[in-house]
Amino acid sequence: MLTTKKKQSVIKKTQVHEKDTGSPEVQVAILSAQIDELATHLKKHKKDNHSRRGLIKMVADRRKHLKYLERTDKARHEALAKKVKLG
């Protein structure tokens, strides 16, 4: 689980304008941070299948947001992939 301070710092790094909290860029960045934390948790707790299910749902949600962004604005998608360090 992301702390409020970590979440705010992720939002500030990727927001499009000052009060932006819901753009696809911000949502992908937050999901990526949550995925990273949950992946490290699952390395330690290998049998935690409930958290593994949540991780799979988050990855699917992030993929949907990335597909939307790629379909609507290719330049923003490329910039986000570099910021968040996605493949």
Protein backbone atom coordinates (compact mmCIF):
# COMPACT_ATOMS: atom_id res chain seq x y z
CA MET A 1 0.00 0.00 0.00
CA LEU A 2 1.32 3.42 -0.93
CA THR A 3 1.63 6.01 1.80
CA THR A 4 0.05 9.39 1.21
CA LYS A 5 3.45 11.09 0.86
CA LYS A 6 4.66 8.58 -1.74
CA LYS A 7 1.42 8.89 -3.67
CA GLN A 8 1.64 12.70 -3.67
CA SER A 9 5.22 12.61 -4.92
CA VAL A 10 4.26 10.23 -7.75
CA ILE A 11 1.37 12.51 -8.70
CA LYS A 12 3.60 15.61 -8.72
CA LYS A 13 6.11 13.93 -11.03
CA THR A 14 3.56 12.98 -13.69
CA GLN A 15 0.68 15.45 -13.45
CA VAL A 16 -0.27 17.38 -16.59
CA HIS A 17 -1.46 20.51 -14.77
CA GLU A 18 -1.47 21.77 -11.19
CA LYS A 19 -4.68 20.13 -9.95
CA ASP A 20 -4.38 16.96 -12.03
CA THR A 21 -5.13 13.75 -10.15
CA GLY A 22 -7.09 11.66 -12.66
CA SER A 23 -5.38 11.88 -16.04
CA PRO A 24 -4.20 8.60 -17.57
CA GLU A 25 -0.59 9.58 -16.91
CA VAL A 26 -1.18 9.99 -13.18
CA GLN A 27 -3.25 6.82 -12.94
CA VAL A 28 -0.58 4.76 -14.71
CA ALA A 29 2.14 6.20 -12.49
CA ILE A 30 0.20 5.42 -9.30
CA LEU A 31 -0.58 1.91 -10.51
CA SER A 32 3.07 1.36 -11.40
CA ALA A 33 4.19 2.40 -7.93
CA GLN A 34 1.60 0.12 -6.33
CA ILE A 35 2.63 -2.76 -8.60
CA ASP A 36 6.28 -2.31 -7.64
CA GLU A 37 5.49 -2.38 -3.92
CA LEU A 38 3.21 -5.39 -4.24
CA ALA A 39 5.77 -7.27 -6.32
CA THR A 40 8.38 -6.84 -3.60
CA HIS A 41 5.83 -8.01 -1.02
CA LEU A 42 5.10 -11.12 -3.08
CA LYS A 43 8.79 -11.97 -3.35
CA LYS A 44 8.86 -12.30 0.42
CA HIS A 45 5.39 -13.86 0.85
CA LYS A 46 5.17 -16.38 -1.98
CA LYS A 47 1.90 -17.99 -0.86
CA ASP A 48 -0.12 -14.76 -0.57
CA ASN A 49 -2.58 -15.55 -3.34
CA HIS A 50 -5.07 -12.84 -2.40
CA SER A 51 -2.47 -10.13 -2.95
CA ARG A 52 -1.33 -11.87 -6.14
CA ARG A 53 -4.88 -11.58 -7.50
CA GLY A 54 -4.87 -7.86 -6.70
CA LEU A 55 -1.54 -7.49 -8.48
CA ILE A 56 -2.91 -9.14 -11.61
CA LYS A 57 -5.93 -6.81 -11.55
CA MET A 58 -3.66 -3.77 -11.19
CA VAL A 59 -1.48 -4.87 -14.10
CA ALA A 60 -4.56 -5.35 -16.27
CA ASP A 61 -5.90 -1.92 -15.28
CA ARG A 62 -2.56 -0.27 -16.07
CA ARG A 63 -2.49 -2.01 -19.44
CA LYS A 64 -5.98 -0.67 -20.24
CA HIS A 65 -4.92 2.89 -19.38
CA LEU A 66 -1.79 2.55 -21.52
CA LYS A 67 -3.78 1.23 -24.48
CA TYR A 68 -6.20 4.15 -24.18
CA LEU A 69 -3.36 6.65 -24.06
CA GLU A 70 -1.59 5.03 -27.00
CA ARG A 71 -4.80 5.08 -29.04
CA THR A 72 -5.64 8.72 -28.28
CA ASP A 73 -2.24 10.46 -28.07
CA LYS A 74 0.91 8.62 -29.14
CA ALA A 75 3.29 11.39 -27.98
CA ARG A 76 1.91 11.42 -24.43
CA HIS A 77 2.16 7.63 -24.34
CA GLU A 78 5.83 7.71 -25.34
CA ALA A 79 6.64 10.43 -22.79
CA LEU A 80 4.87 8.48 -20.04
CA ALA A 81 6.69 5.26 -20.91
CA LYS A 82 10.00 7.06 -20.46
CA LYS A 83 8.93 8.72 -17.18
CA VAL A 84 7.59 5.57 -15.57
CA LYS A 85 10.30 3.39 -17.16
CA LEU A 86 7.99 0.96 -18.93
CA GLY A 87 9.16 -1.35 -21.73
